[in-house]
Amino acid sequence: EDKVRERTEALEQANGSLKHANERLKQNFLVSIK
């Protein structure tokens, strides 16, 4: 259980970074459209 909890926390952090990167891509795409 401890190892699962550690890996889960790392996964959440990675997903947060991925979401942030995707938001940046969306913003750049909208700037291109404008």
All heavy atoms as atom14 arrays in JSON, in Angstrom:
{
  "sequence": "EDKVRERTEALEQANGSLKHANERLKQNFLVSIK",
  "atom14_mask": [
    [1, 1, 1, 1, 1, 1, 1, 1, 1, 0, 0, 0, 0, 0],
    [1, 1, 1, 1, 1, 1, 1, 1, 0, 0, 0, 0, 0, 0],
    [1, 1, 1, 1, 1, 1, 1, 1, 1, 0, 0, 0, 0, 0],
    [1, 1, 1, 1, 1, 1, 1, 0, 0, 0, 0, 0, 0, 0],
    [1, 1, 1, 1, 1, 1, 1, 1, 1, 1, 1, 0, 0, 0],
    [1, 1, 1, 1, 1, 1, 1, 1, 1, 0, 0, 0, 0, 0],
    [1, 1, 1, 1, 1, 1, 1, 1, 1, 1, 1, 0, 0, 0],
    [1, 1, 1, 1, 1, 1, 1, 0, 0, 0, 0, 0, 0, 0],
    [1, 1, 1, 1, 1, 1, 1, 1, 1, 0, 0, 0, 0, 0],
    [1, 1, 1, 1, 1, 0, 0, 0, 0, 0, 0, 0, 0, 0],
    [1, 1, 1, 1, 1, 1, 1, 1, 0, 0, 0, 0, 0, 0],
    [1, 1, 1, 1, 1, 1, 1, 1, 1, 0, 0, 0, 0, 0],
    [1, 1, 1, 1, 1, 1, 1, 1, 1, 0, 0, 0, 0, 0],
    [1, 1, 1, 1, 1, 0, 0, 0, 0, 0, 0, 0, 0, 0],
    [1, 1, 1, 1, 1, 1, 1, 1, 0, 0, 0, 0, 0, 0],
    [1, 1, 1, 1, 0, 0, 0, 0, 0, 0, 0, 0, 0, 0],
    [1, 1, 1, 1, 1, 1, 0, 0, 0, 0, 0, 0, 0, 0],
    [1, 1, 1, 1, 1, 1, 1, 1, 0, 0, 0, 0, 0, 0],
    [1, 1, 1, 1, 1, 1, 1, 1, 1, 0, 0, 0, 0, 0],
    [1, 1, 1, 1, 1, 1, 1, 1, 1, 1, 0, 0, 0, 0],
    [1, 1, 1, 1, 1, 0, 0, 0, 0, 0, 0, 0, 0, 0],
    [1, 1, 1, 1, 1, 1, 1, 1, 0, 0, 0, 0, 0, 0],
    [1, 1, 1, 1, 1, 1, 1, 1, 1, 0, 0, 0, 0, 0],
    [1, 1, 1, 1, 1, 1, 1, 1, 1, 1, 1, 0, 0, 0],
    [1, 1, 1, 1, 1, 1, 1, 1, 0, 0, 0, 0, 0, 0],
    [1, 1, 1, 1, 1, 1, 1, 1, 1, 0, 0, 0, 0, 0],
    [1, 1, 1, 1, 1, 1, 1, 1, 1, 0, 0, 0, 0, 0],
    [1, 1, 1, 1, 1, 1, 1, 1, 0, 0, 0, 0, 0, 0],
    [1, 1, 1, 1, 1, 1, 1, 1, 1, 1, 1, 0, 0, 0],
    [1, 1, 1, 1, 1, 1, 1, 1, 0, 0, 0, 0, 0, 0],
    [1, 1, 1, 1, 1, 1, 1, 0, 0, 0, 0, 0, 0, 0],
    [1, 1, 1, 1, 1, 1, 0, 0, 0, 0, 0, 0, 0, 0],
    [1, 1, 1, 1, 1, 1, 1, 1, 0, 0, 0, 0, 0, 0],
    [1, 1, 1, 1, 1, 1, 1, 1, 1, 0, 0, 0, 0, 0]
  ],
  "atom14_positions": [
    [[0.81, -1.21, 0.0], [0.0, 0.0, 0.0], [0.85, 1.26, 0.0], [0.5, 2.25, -0.66], [-0.92, -0.01, 1.23], [-1.95, -1.12, 1.2], [-2.85, -1.09, 2.42], [-2.66, -0.2, 3.27], [-3.74, -1.95, 2.51], [0.0, 0.0, 0.0], [0.0, 0.0, 0.0], [0.0, 0.0, 0.0], [0.0, 0.0, 0.0], [0.0, 0.0, 0.0]],
    [[1.93, 1.26, 0.73], [2.78, 2.45, 0.77], [3.36, 2.78, -0.6], [3.4, 3.95, -1.02], [3.91, 2.25, 1.77], [3.41, 2.21, 3.2], [2.27, 2.71, 3.43], [4.13, 1.69, 4.07], [0.0, 0.0, 0.0], [0.0, 0.0, 0.0], [0.0, 0.0, 0.0], [0.0, 0.0, 0.0], [0.0, 0.0, 0.0], [0.0, 0.0, 0.0]],
    [[3.78, 1.75, -1.32], [4.36, 1.97, -2.64], [3.3, 2.46, -3.62], [3.56, 3.34, -4.45], [5.0, 0.67, -3.14], [5.83, 0.87, -4.4], [6.58, -0.41, -4.76], [7.46, -0.2, -5.99], [8.24, -1.4, -6.35], [0.0, 0.0, 0.0], [0.0, 0.0, 0.0], [0.0, 0.0, 0.0], [0.0, 0.0, 0.0], [0.0, 0.0, 0.0]],
    [[2.09, 1.89, -3.49], [0.99, 2.35, -4.35], [0.7, 3.83, -4.11], [0.52, 4.61, -5.04], [-0.28, 1.5, -4.09], [-1.48, 2.13, -4.79], [-0.07, 0.08, -4.58], [0.0, 0.0, 0.0], [0.0, 0.0, 0.0], [0.0, 0.0, 0.0], [0.0, 0.0, 0.0], [0.0, 0.0, 0.0], [0.0, 0.0, 0.0], [0.0, 0.0, 0.0]],
    [[0.68, 4.22, -2.82], [0.4, 5.61, -2.48], [1.49, 6.54, -3.03], [1.22, 7.61, -3.57], [0.3, 5.76, -0.97], [-0.11, 7.15, -0.52], [-0.63, 7.15, 0.91], [0.24, 6.4, 1.82], [-0.07, 5.21, 2.35], [-1.24, 4.65, 2.08], [0.75, 4.59, 3.18], [0.0, 0.0, 0.0], [0.0, 0.0, 0.0], [0.0, 0.0, 0.0]],
    [[2.73, 6.12, -2.96], [3.84, 6.93, -3.47], [3.73, 7.1, -4.98], [3.9, 8.2, -5.51], [5.16, 6.25, -3.1], [6.39, 6.98, -3.63], [7.66, 6.22, -3.29], [7.6, 5.32, -2.42], [8.7, 6.5, -3.91], [0.0, 0.0, 0.0], [0.0, 0.0, 0.0], [0.0, 0.0, 0.0], [0.0, 0.0, 0.0], [0.0, 0.0, 0.0]],
    [[3.45, 6.0, -5.67], [3.33, 6.08, -7.13], [2.12, 6.92, -7.55], [2.17, 7.63, -8.55], [3.21, 4.66, -7.71], [4.46, 3.82, -7.55], [5.58, 4.35, -8.43], [6.7, 3.45, -8.44], [7.95, 3.8, -8.11], [8.19, 5.04, -7.73], [8.92, 2.93, -8.16], [0.0, 0.0, 0.0], [0.0, 0.0, 0.0], [0.0, 0.0, 0.0]],
    [[1.05, 6.81, -6.78], [-0.15, 7.59, -7.11], [0.12, 9.08, -7.0], [-0.3, 9.87, -7.86], [-1.31, 7.2, -6.18], [-1.58, 5.8, -6.32], [-2.55, 8.0, -6.52], [0.0, 0.0, 0.0], [0.0, 0.0, 0.0], [0.0, 0.0, 0.0], [0.0, 0.0, 0.0], [0.0, 0.0, 0.0], [0.0, 0.0, 0.0], [0.0, 0.0, 0.0]],
    [[0.85, 9.48, -5.98], [1.19, 10.9, -5.82], [2.05, 11.39, -6.98], [1.85, 12.51, -7.49], [1.92, 11.11, -4.49], [1.02, 10.92, -3.27], [1.81, 10.97, -1.97], [3.07, 11.08, -2.05], [1.18, 10.92, -0.9], [0.0, 0.0, 0.0], [0.0, 0.0, 0.0], [0.0, 0.0, 0.0], [0.0, 0.0, 0.0], [0.0, 0.0, 0.0]],
    [[2.99, 10.54, -7.41], [3.84, 10.93, -8.53], [3.02, 11.06, -9.81], [3.24, 11.96, -10.65], [4.96, 9.91, -8.72], [0.0, 0.0, 0.0], [0.0, 0.0, 0.0], [0.0, 0.0, 0.0], [0.0, 0.0, 0.0], [0.0, 0.0, 0.0], [0.0, 0.0, 0.0], [0.0, 0.0, 0.0], [0.0, 0.0, 0.0], [0.0, 0.0, 0.0]],
    [[2.06, 10.15, -9.96], [1.19, 10.18, -11.14], [0.34, 11.45, -11.17], [0.18, 12.09, -12.22], [0.3, 8.94, -11.14], [-0.7, 8.82, -12.31], [0.04, 8.76, -13.63], [-1.59, 7.61, -12.12], [0.0, 0.0, 0.0], [0.0, 0.0, 0.0], [0.0, 0.0, 0.0], [0.0, 0.0, 0.0], [0.0, 0.0, 0.0], [0.0, 0.0, 0.0]],
    [[-0.19, 11.82, -10.01], [-1.0, 13.04, -9.96], [-0.18, 14.27, -10.31], [-0.66, 15.18, -11.0], [-1.6, 13.18, -8.56], [-2.7, 12.16, -8.25], [-3.18, 12.24, -6.82], [-2.54, 12.98, -6.03], [-4.19, 11.59, -6.5], [0.0, 0.0, 0.0], [0.0, 0.0, 0.0], [0.0, 0.0, 0.0], [0.0, 0.0, 0.0], [0.0, 0.0, 0.0]],
    [[1.05, 14.3, -9.84], [1.93, 15.43, -10.17], [2.2, 15.48, -11.67], [2.19, 16.55, -12.29], [3.24, 15.31, -9.4], [4.19, 16.48, -9.63], [5.46, 16.35, -8.81], [5.65, 15.37, -8.11], [6.32, 17.34, -8.9], [0.0, 0.0, 0.0], [0.0, 0.0, 0.0], [0.0, 0.0, 0.0], [0.0, 0.0, 0.0], [0.0, 0.0, 0.0]],
    [[2.45, 14.3, -12.27], [2.71, 14.26, -13.71], [1.48, 14.7, -14.5], [1.58, 15.43, -15.49], [3.13, 12.86, -14.13], [0.0, 0.0, 0.0], [0.0, 0.0, 0.0], [0.0, 0.0, 0.0], [0.0, 0.0, 0.0], [0.0, 0.0, 0.0], [0.0, 0.0, 0.0], [0.0, 0.0, 0.0], [0.0, 0.0, 0.0], [0.0, 0.0, 0.0]],
    [[0.3, 14.24, -14.05], [-0.93, 14.63, -14.75], [-1.17, 16.13, -14.64], [-1.67, 16.77, -15.58], [-2.12, 13.87, -14.17], [-2.19, 12.44, -14.67], [-1.67, 12.13, -15.73], [-2.83, 11.57, -13.89], [0.0, 0.0, 0.0], [0.0, 0.0, 0.0], [0.0, 0.0, 0.0], [0.0, 0.0, 0.0], [0.0, 0.0, 0.0], [0.0, 0.0, 0.0]],
    [[-0.82, 16.71, -13.47], [-0.97, 18.16, -13.32], [-0.09, 18.91, -14.3], [-0.5, 19.9, -14.9], [0.0, 0.0, 0.0], [0.0, 0.0, 0.0], [0.0, 0.0, 0.0], [0.0, 0.0, 0.0], [0.0, 0.0, 0.0], [0.0, 0.0, 0.0], [0.0, 0.0, 0.0], [0.0, 0.0, 0.0], [0.0, 0.0, 0.0], [0.0, 0.0, 0.0]],
    [[1.15, 18.43, -14.45], [2.07, 19.07, -15.4], [1.57, 18.9, -16.83], [1.67, 19.82, -17.66], [3.47, 18.45, -15.27], [3.98, 18.65, -13.97], [0.0, 0.0, 0.0], [0.0, 0.0, 0.0], [0.0, 0.0, 0.0], [0.0, 0.0, 0.0], [0.0, 0.0, 0.0], [0.0, 0.0, 0.0], [0.0, 0.0, 0.0], [0.0, 0.0, 0.0]],
    [[1.01, 17.73, -17.14], [0.49, 17.48, -18.47], [-0.69, 18.4, -18.77], [-0.81, 18.96, -19.87], [0.05, 16.01, -18.59], [-0.52, 15.56, -19.94], [0.51, 15.73, -21.04], [-0.98, 14.11, -19.86], [0.0, 0.0, 0.0], [0.0, 0.0, 0.0], [0.0, 0.0, 0.0], [0.0, 0.0, 0.0], [0.0, 0.0, 0.0], [0.0, 0.0, 0.0]],
    [[-1.56, 18.58, -17.79], [-2.71, 19.47, -17.98], [-2.25, 20.89, -18.23], [-2.78, 21.6, -19.09], [-3.62, 19.41, -16.74], [-4.87, 20.27, -16.86], [-5.74, 20.14, -15.63], [-6.99, 21.01, -15.76], [-7.85, 20.91, -14.54], [0.0, 0.0, 0.0], [0.0, 0.0, 0.0], [0.0, 0.0, 0.0], [0.0, 0.0, 0.0], [0.0, 0.0, 0.0]],
    [[-1.23, 21.32, -17.46], [-0.7, 22.68, -17.64], [-0.12, 22.85, -19.04], [-0.33, 23.88, -19.7], [0.37, 22.95, -16.59], [1.01, 24.3, -16.72], [0.34, 25.47, -16.45], [2.27, 24.65, -17.11], [1.14, 26.5, -16.65], [2.31, 26.03, -17.06], [0.0, 0.0, 0.0], [0.0, 0.0, 0.0], [0.0, 0.0, 0.0], [0.0, 0.0, 0.0]],
    [[0.62, 21.83, -19.5], [1.19, 21.91, -20.85], [0.1, 21.97, -21.91], [0.21, 22.72, -22.89], [2.1, 20.7, -21.09], [0.0, 0.0, 0.0], [0.0, 0.0, 0.0], [0.0, 0.0, 0.0], [0.0, 0.0, 0.0], [0.0, 0.0, 0.0], [0.0, 0.0, 0.0], [0.0, 0.0, 0.0], [0.0, 0.0, 0.0], [0.0, 0.0, 0.0]],
    [[-0.97, 21.18, -21.73], [-2.07, 21.2, -22.69], [-2.77, 22.55, -22.71], [-3.19, 23.04, -23.78], [-3.07, 20.09, -22.36], [-2.61, 18.73, -22.81], [-1.86, 18.63, -23.78], [-3.02, 17.69, -22.11], [0.0, 0.0, 0.0], [0.0, 0.0, 0.0], [0.0, 0.0, 0.0], [0.0, 0.0, 0.0], [0.0, 0.0, 0.0], [0.0, 0.0, 0.0]],
    [[-2.92, 23.17, -21.55], [-3.55, 24.49, -21.51], [-2.71, 25.52, -22.25], [-3.24, 26.39, -22.93], [-3.75, 24.93, -20.04], [-4.85, 24.16, -19.31], [-6.21, 24.32, -19.99], [-6.51, 25.43, -20.47], [-6.95, 23.32, -20.06], [0.0, 0.0, 0.0], [0.0, 0.0, 0.0], [0.0, 0.0, 0.0], [0.0, 0.0, 0.0], [0.0, 0.0, 0.0]],
    [[-1.39, 25.4, -22.11], [-0.5, 26.32, -22.83], [-0.65, 26.12, -24.34], [-0.66, 27.09, -25.1], [0.95, 26.08, -22.4], [1.3, 26.58, -21.02], [1.38, 28.1, -20.97], [2.36, 28.62, -21.92], [3.66, 28.74, -21.66], [4.11, 28.38, -20.46], [4.49, 29.23, -22.56], [0.0, 0.0, 0.0], [0.0, 0.0, 0.0], [0.0, 0.0, 0.0]],
    [[-0.74, 24.87, -24.76], [-0.92, 24.59, -26.19], [-2.23, 25.17, -26.71], [-2.29, 25.74, -27.8], [-0.87, 23.07, -26.44], [0.51, 22.42, -26.4], [0.37, 20.92, -26.52], [1.38, 22.97, -27.52], [0.0, 0.0, 0.0], [0.0, 0.0, 0.0], [0.0, 0.0, 0.0], [0.0, 0.0, 0.0], [0.0, 0.0, 0.0], [0.0, 0.0, 0.0]],
    [[-3.31, 25.01, -25.92], [-4.6, 25.56, -26.33], [-4.53, 27.08, -26.46], [-5.09, 27.67, -27.39], [-5.68, 25.18, -25.32], [-6.08, 23.71, -25.36], [-7.15, 23.42, -24.3], [-7.55, 21.96, -24.3], [-8.56, 21.66, -23.26], [0.0, 0.0, 0.0], [0.0, 0.0, 0.0], [0.0, 0.0, 0.0], [0.0, 0.0, 0.0], [0.0, 0.0, 0.0]],
    [[-3.85, 27.71, -25.5], [-3.73, 29.17, -25.52], [-2.95, 29.62, -26.76], [-3.35, 30.57, -27.43], [-3.03, 29.64, -24.25], [-2.96, 31.17, -24.14], [-2.31, 31.6, -22.84], [-1.73, 30.79, -22.14], [-2.4, 32.87, -22.53], [0.0, 0.0, 0.0], [0.0, 0.0, 0.0], [0.0, 0.0, 0.0], [0.0, 0.0, 0.0], [0.0, 0.0, 0.0]],
    [[-1.85, 28.94, -27.06], [-1.07, 29.29, -28.24], [-1.87, 29.07, -29.52], [-1.76, 29.85, -30.48], [0.22, 28.46, -28.3], [1.23, 28.92, -27.27], [1.16, 30.03, -26.77], [2.18, 28.06, -26.94], [0.0, 0.0, 0.0], [0.0, 0.0, 0.0], [0.0, 0.0, 0.0], [0.0, 0.0, 0.0], [0.0, 0.0, 0.0], [0.0, 0.0, 0.0]],
    [[-2.69, 28.01, -29.54], [-3.51, 27.74, -30.71], [-4.52, 28.85, -30.93], [-4.74, 29.31, -32.06], [-4.22, 26.39, -30.53], [-5.07, 25.99, -31.7], [-4.47, 25.6, -32.89], [-6.45, 25.98, -31.62], [-5.23, 25.22, -33.98], [-7.21, 25.6, -32.7], [-6.6, 25.22, -33.87], [0.0, 0.0, 0.0], [0.0, 0.0, 0.0], [0.0, 0.0, 0.0]],
    [[-5.13, 29.33, -29.83], [-6.11, 30.41, -29.95], [-5.45, 31.7, -30.42], [-6.02, 32.45, -31.21], [-6.81, 30.63, -28.61], [-8.01, 31.6, -28.62], [-9.05, 31.15, -29.63], [-8.62, 31.71, -27.24], [0.0, 0.0, 0.0], [0.0, 0.0, 0.0], [0.0, 0.0, 0.0], [0.0, 0.0, 0.0], [0.0, 0.0, 0.0], [0.0, 0.0, 0.0]],
    [[-4.23, 31.95, -29.95], [-3.5, 33.13, -30.41], [-3.26, 33.04, -31.92], [-3.38, 34.02, -32.65], [-2.17, 33.27, -29.65], [-1.28, 34.34, -30.3], [-2.44, 33.64, -28.21], [0.0, 0.0, 0.0], [0.0, 0.0, 0.0], [0.0, 0.0, 0.0], [0.0, 0.0, 0.0], [0.0, 0.0, 0.0], [0.0, 0.0, 0.0], [0.0, 0.0, 0.0]],
    [[-2.93, 31.84, -32.39], [-2.72, 31.65, -33.82], [-4.01, 31.92, -34.61], [-3.98, 32.52, -35.68], [-2.24, 30.22, -34.1], [-1.02, 29.97, -33.44], [0.0, 0.0, 0.0], [0.0, 0.0, 0.0], [0.0, 0.0, 0.0], [0.0, 0.0, 0.0], [0.0, 0.0, 0.0], [0.0, 0.0, 0.0], [0.0, 0.0, 0.0], [0.0, 0.0, 0.0]],
    [[-5.13, 31.47, -34.07], [-6.42, 31.7, -34.73], [-6.69, 33.2, -34.83], [-7.13, 33.71, -35.88], [-7.55, 31.0, -33.96], [-7.42, 29.49, -34.07], [-8.91, 31.44, -34.48], [-7.53, 28.94, -35.46], [0.0, 0.0, 0.0], [0.0, 0.0, 0.0], [0.0, 0.0, 0.0], [0.0, 0.0, 0.0], [0.0, 0.0, 0.0], [0.0, 0.0, 0.0]],
    [[-6.46, 33.93, -33.74], [-6.71, 35.37, -33.76], [-5.81, 36.07, -34.77], [-6.23, 37.01, -35.45], [-6.5, 35.95, -32.35], [-7.56, 35.51, -31.35], [-7.28, 36.06, -29.96], [-8.36, 35.62, -28.97], [-8.09, 36.11, -27.6], [0.0, 0.0, 0.0], [0.0, 0.0, 0.0], [0.0, 0.0, 0.0], [0.0, 0.0, 0.0], [0.0, 0.0, 0.0]]
  ]
}
